[in-house]
N, C-alpha and C. Protein backbone atom coordinates (compact mmCIF):
# COMPACT_ATOMS: atom_id res chain seq x y z
N MET A 1 118.98 195.34 80.10
CA MET A 1 119.15 194.27 80.58
C MET A 1 118.19 193.74 79.42
N LYS A 2 117.71 194.33 78.63
CA LYS A 2 117.18 193.36 77.75
C LYS A 2 117.99 192.90 76.30
N ILE A 3 119.07 194.45 76.27
CA ILE A 3 120.00 193.91 75.22
C ILE A 3 121.16 193.12 76.22
N TYR A 4 121.56 192.76 76.88
CA TYR A 4 122.10 191.87 77.63
C TYR A 4 121.72 190.14 77.38
N LEU A 5 120.32 190.19 77.64
CA LEU A 5 119.98 188.95 77.50
C LEU A 5 119.98 188.87 75.61
N SER A 6 119.37 189.65 75.35
CA SER A 6 119.45 189.60 74.06
C SER A 6 120.91 189.03 73.42
N ILE A 7 121.53 189.47 73.91
CA ILE A 7 123.43 189.09 73.28
C ILE A 7 123.40 188.15 73.67
N LEU A 8 123.24 187.56 74.75
CA LEU A 8 123.63 186.22 75.94
C LEU A 8 122.76 184.86 74.90
N LEU A 9 121.32 185.46 74.42
CA LEU A 9 121.21 184.45 73.49
C LEU A 9 121.17 184.12 72.13
N PHE A 10 121.73 185.20 71.66
CA PHE A 10 121.92 184.79 69.86
C PHE A 10 123.71 184.33 70.12
N GLY A 11 124.74 185.01 71.38
CA GLY A 11 125.70 184.25 71.33
C GLY A 11 125.69 182.27 71.87
N PHE A 12 124.49 182.13 72.53
CA PHE A 12 124.31 180.95 72.62
C PHE A 12 123.88 180.38 71.31
N LEU A 13 123.34 181.17 70.51
CA LEU A 13 122.13 179.84 69.29
C LEU A 13 123.85 180.09 68.65
N PHE A 14 124.39 181.10 68.73
CA PHE A 14 126.17 180.59 67.29
C PHE A 14 126.35 179.75 67.41
N ILE A 15 127.17 179.96 69.01
CA ILE A 15 127.71 179.12 69.35
C ILE A 15 126.53 177.57 69.27
N THR A 16 125.64 176.88 69.58
CA THR A 16 124.83 175.95 69.20
C THR A 16 124.86 175.34 67.95
N SER A 17 125.05 176.25 67.11
CA SER A 17 124.58 176.20 65.71
C SER A 17 125.74 175.73 64.83
N CYS A 18 127.22 176.17 65.31
CA CYS A 18 128.59 176.00 65.02
C CYS A 18 128.57 174.24 65.58
N ASN A 19 128.16 174.27 66.45
CA ASN A 19 128.28 172.69 66.82
C ASN A 19 128.01 171.97 66.10
N GLU A 20 125.83 172.10 65.87
CA GLU A 20 125.53 171.15 64.91
C GLU A 20 126.18 171.03 63.73
N LYS A 21 126.55 172.07 63.02
CA LYS A 21 127.42 172.32 61.99
C LYS A 21 129.12 171.34 61.76
N LYS A 22 129.46 171.35 62.90
CA LYS A 22 130.73 170.24 63.10
C LYS A 22 130.38 169.41 63.43
N LYS A 23 129.37 168.94 63.68
CA LYS A 23 128.66 167.28 64.39
C LYS A 23 128.07 166.91 62.74
N ASN A 24 127.60 167.84 61.99
CA ASN A 24 126.78 166.57 61.05
C ASN A 24 127.80 166.63 59.96
N GLU A 25 129.52 167.40 59.71
CA GLU A 25 130.14 167.52 59.43
C GLU A 25 130.90 166.12 59.04
N ILE A 26 130.99 165.64 60.67
CA ILE A 26 131.58 164.53 61.13
C ILE A 26 130.56 163.24 60.60
N GLU A 27 129.33 163.04 61.36
CA GLU A 27 128.61 162.27 60.85
C GLU A 27 128.37 161.88 59.53
N GLU A 28 127.98 162.50 58.42
CA GLU A 28 128.46 162.56 57.38
C GLU A 28 129.39 161.61 57.34
N ARG A 29 130.39 162.68 57.10
CA ARG A 29 132.12 160.78 57.01
C ARG A 29 131.98 159.57 57.71
N TYR A 30 131.16 160.74 58.80
CA TYR A 30 131.33 158.70 59.92
C TYR A 30 130.04 157.72 58.48
N GLU A 31 129.05 158.27 58.30
CA GLU A 31 128.38 157.41 57.29
C GLU A 31 128.89 156.90 56.12
N SER A 32 129.55 157.78 55.36
CA SER A 32 130.15 157.18 54.43
C SER A 32 131.31 156.17 54.49
N VAL A 33 132.29 156.09 55.61
CA VAL A 33 133.26 155.54 55.70
C VAL A 33 132.24 153.96 56.36
N MET A 34 130.92 153.82 56.54
CA MET A 34 130.52 152.80 57.08
C MET A 34 129.53 152.35 55.89
N ALA A 35 129.22 153.13 55.05
CA ALA A 35 129.16 152.84 53.78
C ALA A 35 129.93 151.88 52.96
N LEU A 36 130.93 151.93 53.05
CA LEU A 36 131.76 151.61 52.30
C LEU A 36 131.89 150.28 53.14
N HIS A 37 132.29 150.33 54.23
CA HIS A 37 132.58 148.82 55.21
C HIS A 37 131.02 147.99 54.71
N ASP A 38 129.90 148.43 55.04
CA ASP A 38 128.86 148.24 54.76
C ASP A 38 129.02 147.35 53.48
N GLU A 39 129.39 148.02 52.24
CA GLU A 39 129.21 147.77 50.81
C GLU A 39 130.60 146.18 50.73
N ILE A 40 131.38 146.12 51.75
CA ILE A 40 132.70 145.29 51.17
C ILE A 40 131.92 144.00 52.51
N MET A 41 131.32 144.40 53.51
CA MET A 41 131.12 143.49 54.44
C MET A 41 130.26 142.25 53.44
N ILE A 42 128.89 143.00 52.77
CA ILE A 42 128.48 142.26 52.03
C ILE A 42 128.90 141.12 51.09
N LYS A 43 130.08 141.45 50.45
CA LYS A 43 131.41 140.29 49.78
C LYS A 43 132.35 139.37 50.74
N MET A 44 131.86 139.67 52.10
CA MET A 44 132.79 138.40 52.86
C MET A 44 132.33 137.32 52.87
N SER A 45 130.84 136.98 52.59
CA SER A 45 130.05 135.82 52.35
C SER A 45 130.58 135.35 51.14
N ASP A 46 130.71 136.54 49.60
CA ASP A 46 131.60 135.53 48.87
C ASP A 46 132.90 134.68 48.79
N ILE A 47 133.66 135.55 49.55
CA ILE A 47 135.07 135.41 49.81
C ILE A 47 135.09 133.78 50.46
N MET A 48 134.30 133.90 51.59
CA MET A 48 134.08 132.00 52.43
C MET A 48 133.89 131.58 51.26
N LYS A 49 133.00 131.22 50.43
CA LYS A 49 132.30 130.94 49.64
C LYS A 49 132.97 130.26 48.50
N TYR A 50 133.10 131.74 47.86
CA TYR A 50 134.99 130.57 47.01
C TYR A 50 136.73 130.44 46.81
N LYS A 51 136.17 130.24 49.01
CA LYS A 51 137.51 129.78 49.16
C LYS A 51 137.38 128.22 49.24
N LYS A 52 136.10 128.30 49.98
CA LYS A 52 135.25 126.24 49.99
C LYS A 52 135.33 125.72 48.49
N GLN A 53 134.80 126.30 47.43
CA GLN A 53 135.05 126.22 46.61
C GLN A 53 136.98 125.97 45.82
N LEU A 54 137.06 127.23 45.98
CA LEU A 54 139.00 126.61 45.63
C LEU A 54 139.73 125.62 46.31
N LYS A 55 138.52 125.84 47.83
CA LYS A 55 139.87 124.18 48.08
C LYS A 55 139.58 123.30 47.54
N SER A 56 138.50 123.25 47.36
CA SER A 56 137.70 121.53 46.87
C SER A 56 138.45 121.57 44.99
N LYS A 57 138.60 122.55 44.56
CA LYS A 57 138.90 122.34 43.16
C LYS A 57 140.68 122.15 43.40
N LEU A 58 141.52 122.42 44.30
CA LEU A 58 142.88 122.34 44.42
C LEU A 58 142.65 121.06 44.80
N GLU A 59 141.96 120.19 45.95
CA GLU A 59 141.93 118.84 45.43
C GLU A 59 141.71 117.77 44.22
N GLU A 60 140.90 118.54 43.98
CA GLU A 60 140.08 117.85 42.45
C GLU A 60 141.75 117.72 41.09
N LEU A 61 142.26 119.46 40.73
CA LEU A 61 143.73 119.75 40.49
C LEU A 61 145.04 118.64 40.92
N SER A 62 145.17 118.41 42.14
CA SER A 62 146.17 117.85 42.96
C SER A 62 145.77 116.47 42.66
N ASN A 63 144.82 115.61 42.61
CA ASN A 63 144.01 114.29 42.35
C ASN A 63 144.64 113.89 40.77
N SER A 64 143.97 115.40 40.35
CA SER A 64 143.92 114.40 38.91
C SER A 64 145.00 114.68 38.10
N GLY A 65 146.53 115.01 38.72
CA GLY A 65 147.69 115.04 38.25
C GLY A 65 148.24 116.54 37.08
N THR A 66 147.40 117.43 37.34
CA THR A 66 146.98 119.09 36.58
C THR A 66 148.09 119.22 37.27
N ASP A 67 149.05 120.51 35.90
CA ASP A 67 150.31 120.92 36.20
C ASP A 67 149.87 121.93 37.07
N THR A 68 150.94 121.56 37.96
CA THR A 68 151.55 122.60 38.99
C THR A 68 150.89 123.86 39.08
N LEU A 69 151.04 124.51 38.26
CA LEU A 69 151.17 125.93 37.10
C LEU A 69 149.66 126.80 37.41
N LYS A 70 148.67 125.61 37.33
CA LYS A 70 147.47 125.50 37.64
C LYS A 70 146.92 125.02 39.52
N ILE A 71 147.70 124.55 39.88
CA ILE A 71 147.79 124.61 41.47
C ILE A 71 148.12 125.47 42.54
N GLU A 72 149.51 125.69 41.44
CA GLU A 72 149.86 127.61 42.23
C GLU A 72 149.22 128.58 42.37
N GLU A 73 148.74 128.33 40.76
CA GLU A 73 147.83 129.63 40.92
C GLU A 73 146.50 129.59 41.90
N ALA A 74 145.73 128.83 41.84
CA ALA A 74 144.95 128.39 43.63
C ALA A 74 144.73 128.60 44.47
N LYS A 75 146.11 127.81 44.62
CA LYS A 75 147.25 128.56 46.25
C LYS A 75 146.85 129.76 46.55
N LYS A 76 147.33 130.29 45.19
CA LYS A 76 147.68 131.82 45.79
C LYS A 76 146.14 132.65 45.57
N VAL A 77 145.61 132.25 44.85
CA VAL A 77 144.38 133.26 44.95
C VAL A 77 143.15 132.77 46.33
N ILE A 78 143.14 131.58 46.89
CA ILE A 78 143.01 131.42 47.99
C ILE A 78 143.66 132.09 49.34
N ASP A 79 145.19 132.28 49.55
CA ASP A 79 145.97 133.67 50.23
C ASP A 79 145.04 134.80 49.95
N GLU A 80 144.81 134.85 48.68
CA GLU A 80 144.45 136.63 48.20
C GLU A 80 142.92 136.81 49.18
N LEU A 81 142.31 135.97 49.10
CA LEU A 81 140.78 135.67 49.44
C LEU A 81 141.12 136.08 51.09
N GLU A 82 142.00 134.84 51.92
CA GLU A 82 141.85 134.74 52.96
C GLU A 82 142.43 136.36 53.68
N LYS A 83 143.69 137.04 52.86
CA LYS A 83 144.21 138.25 53.70
C LYS A 83 143.28 139.01 53.75
N SER A 84 142.43 139.11 52.61
CA SER A 84 141.29 139.94 51.73
C SER A 84 140.62 140.05 53.20
N HIS A 85 139.98 139.03 53.65
CA HIS A 85 139.33 138.29 54.70
C HIS A 85 140.26 139.08 55.99
N GLU A 86 141.17 138.81 56.51
CA GLU A 86 141.90 139.21 57.65
C GLU A 86 142.14 140.36 57.15
N GLU A 87 142.51 141.51 56.20
CA GLU A 87 142.65 143.19 56.83
C GLU A 87 141.05 143.52 56.76
N MET A 88 139.96 143.11 56.59
CA MET A 88 138.46 143.67 56.42
C MET A 88 138.48 143.16 58.10
N MET A 89 138.77 142.28 59.07
CA MET A 89 138.22 141.93 60.41
C MET A 89 139.31 143.16 60.86
N ASN A 90 140.66 142.70 60.91
CA ASN A 90 141.56 144.10 61.15
C ASN A 90 141.01 145.59 61.04
N TRP A 91 140.37 145.57 60.03
CA TRP A 91 139.71 147.36 59.91
C TRP A 91 138.91 147.32 60.86
N MET A 92 137.86 146.79 61.02
CA MET A 92 136.64 146.57 62.36
C MET A 92 137.31 146.52 63.28
N HIS A 93 137.73 146.01 63.86
CA HIS A 93 138.28 145.60 65.26
C HIS A 93 139.43 147.17 65.50
N GLY A 94 140.15 147.55 64.28
CA GLY A 94 140.98 148.82 64.84
C GLY A 94 140.71 150.24 64.86
N PHE A 95 139.06 150.23 64.07
CA PHE A 95 138.14 151.00 63.94
C PHE A 95 137.00 151.84 64.79
N SER A 96 137.73 153.02 65.05
CA SER A 96 136.75 153.97 66.40
C SER A 96 135.63 154.61 66.08
N SER A 97 134.13 154.63 66.64
CA SER A 97 133.62 155.63 66.27
C SER A 97 133.32 156.11 67.72
N ASP A 98 134.74 156.55 68.28
CA ASP A 98 134.45 157.47 69.54
C ASP A 98 134.71 158.83 69.61
N PHE A 99 134.53 159.76 68.96
CA PHE A 99 134.96 160.64 68.67
C PHE A 99 134.55 161.97 70.05
N GLU A 100 133.97 161.66 71.05
CA GLU A 100 133.82 162.26 72.34
C GLU A 100 135.15 162.84 72.80
N GLY A 101 135.01 164.33 72.56
CA GLY A 101 136.38 165.12 73.30
C GLY A 101 137.37 165.27 71.92
N LYS A 102 137.39 165.00 70.87
CA LYS A 102 138.48 164.75 69.73
C LYS A 102 137.38 166.30 68.64
N VAL A 103 138.71 167.15 68.44
CA VAL A 103 138.11 168.64 67.63
C VAL A 103 137.72 168.13 66.55
N LYS A 104 137.06 168.58 65.75
CA LYS A 104 136.51 168.44 64.61
C LYS A 104 137.29 167.83 63.49
N GLU A 105 138.78 169.35 63.54
CA GLU A 105 140.08 168.16 62.85
C GLU A 105 140.27 166.97 62.89
N GLU A 106 140.53 166.86 64.27
CA GLU A 106 141.10 165.93 64.39
C GLU A 106 140.02 164.76 64.13
N ALA A 107 138.65 164.12 64.08
CA ALA A 107 137.77 163.39 63.82
C ALA A 107 137.85 163.29 62.45
N MET A 108 137.87 164.90 61.55
CA MET A 108 137.84 164.54 60.07
C MET A 108 139.05 163.62 59.30
N GLU A 109 140.05 164.44 60.39
CA GLU A 109 141.23 163.52 59.78
C GLU A 109 141.30 162.47 59.77
N TYR A 110 140.92 161.84 61.36
CA TYR A 110 140.78 159.96 61.31
C TYR A 110 139.94 159.36 60.21
N LEU A 111 138.49 160.01 60.05
CA LEU A 111 138.07 159.34 59.40
C LEU A 111 138.30 159.41 58.31
N ASN A 112 138.62 160.20 57.57
CA ASN A 112 139.80 160.31 55.83
C ASN A 112 140.69 159.41 56.04
N GLU A 113 141.54 159.23 57.09
CA GLU A 113 142.62 158.06 56.79
C GLU A 113 141.93 156.57 57.38
N GLN A 114 140.27 156.23 57.70
CA GLN A 114 139.74 155.30 57.64
C GLN A 114 139.28 155.26 56.19
N LYS A 115 138.76 155.49 56.17
CA LYS A 115 138.09 156.11 54.52
C LYS A 115 139.15 155.00 53.63
N THR A 116 140.41 155.89 53.88
CA THR A 116 141.33 155.28 52.64
C THR A 116 142.09 153.93 52.71
N LYS A 117 142.38 153.66 54.10
CA LYS A 117 141.49 152.38 54.72
C LYS A 117 141.60 151.46 54.15
N ILE A 118 139.77 151.72 54.59
CA ILE A 118 138.70 150.93 54.22
C ILE A 118 138.19 150.43 52.28
N GLU A 119 139.16 151.86 51.46
CA GLU A 119 138.81 151.94 50.14
C GLU A 119 139.96 150.81 49.55
N THR A 120 140.83 151.29 50.39
CA THR A 120 142.12 149.52 50.20
C THR A 120 141.68 148.34 50.44
N VAL A 121 140.96 147.66 51.17
CA VAL A 121 140.51 147.00 51.45
C VAL A 121 139.37 146.57 50.43
N GLY A 122 138.58 147.51 50.28
CA GLY A 122 137.32 147.04 49.13
C GLY A 122 138.67 146.55 47.91
N GLU A 123 139.73 147.67 46.99
CA GLU A 123 140.20 147.14 45.80
C GLU A 123 140.29 145.75 46.23
N LYS A 124 141.40 145.08 47.11
CA LYS A 124 142.09 144.37 47.28
C LYS A 124 140.77 142.95 47.64
N THR A 125 139.84 143.34 47.61
CA THR A 125 138.39 142.40 48.08
C THR A 125 137.81 142.08 46.48
N ASN A 126 137.89 143.03 45.75
CA ASN A 126 137.10 142.66 44.84
C ASN A 126 138.22 141.66 43.67
N ILE A 127 139.47 142.37 43.82
CA ILE A 127 140.69 142.21 42.79
C ILE A 127 140.22 140.03 43.61
N ALA A 128 140.57 140.63 44.51
CA ALA A 128 140.70 138.64 45.08
C ALA A 128 139.58 137.65 44.16
N LEU A 129 138.45 138.27 44.69
CA LEU A 129 137.02 137.72 44.19
C LEU A 129 136.96 137.86 42.35
N LYS A 130 138.04 138.82 42.19
CA LYS A 130 137.74 138.29 40.64
C LYS A 130 138.44 137.65 40.41
N HIS A 131 139.82 137.11 40.46
CA HIS A 131 140.72 136.28 40.52
C HIS A 131 139.84 134.52 40.78
N ALA A 132 139.16 135.05 42.30
CA ALA A 132 138.45 133.86 41.97
C ALA A 132 137.70 132.87 41.21
N GLU A 133 137.10 133.80 40.86
CA GLU A 133 135.83 133.42 39.35
C GLU A 133 136.31 133.16 38.27
N GLU A 134 137.59 133.87 38.26
CA GLU A 134 138.32 133.51 36.68
C GLU A 134 138.71 131.77 36.89
N ILE A 135 139.39 131.98 38.08
CA ILE A 135 139.97 130.46 38.62
C ILE A 135 138.40 129.10 38.31
N LEU A 136 137.69 129.72 39.06
CA LEU A 136 136.46 128.99 38.82
C LEU A 136 135.63 128.86 37.69
N SER A 137 135.50 129.66 37.21
CA SER A 137 135.30 129.32 35.72
C SER A 137 135.70 128.52 35.20
N GLU A 138 137.04 128.45 35.13
CA GLU A 138 138.11 127.77 33.60
C GLU A 138 137.53 126.00 34.06
């Protein structure tokens, strides 16, 4: 009887430790995805600020009779900023942190896809902000 209980206890501990490892890997990947999200989310206020400044600059350029190339460039950057903001909002609305009932491989694949998507949003955000800073510094 003691041997049977020992085997049962060992089996329980083994299964529990495997589940903890699975959960920890998923949690670590989730946290890395959310860290990227948080890093980009901070920049959303810059996007709004630059959009407002660019719209003001666009009005100045239009009123001053500046060449259309500069005006079109400012419009293009405003569009970049708006698209970047929209992509961030779309990513957030589409992201799910519910992994209940999913096997580890499914959860990890999903999180890897989401990480790639949020990295792309981050790259586009950084490029749009850089372009805005360049125009505003002229």
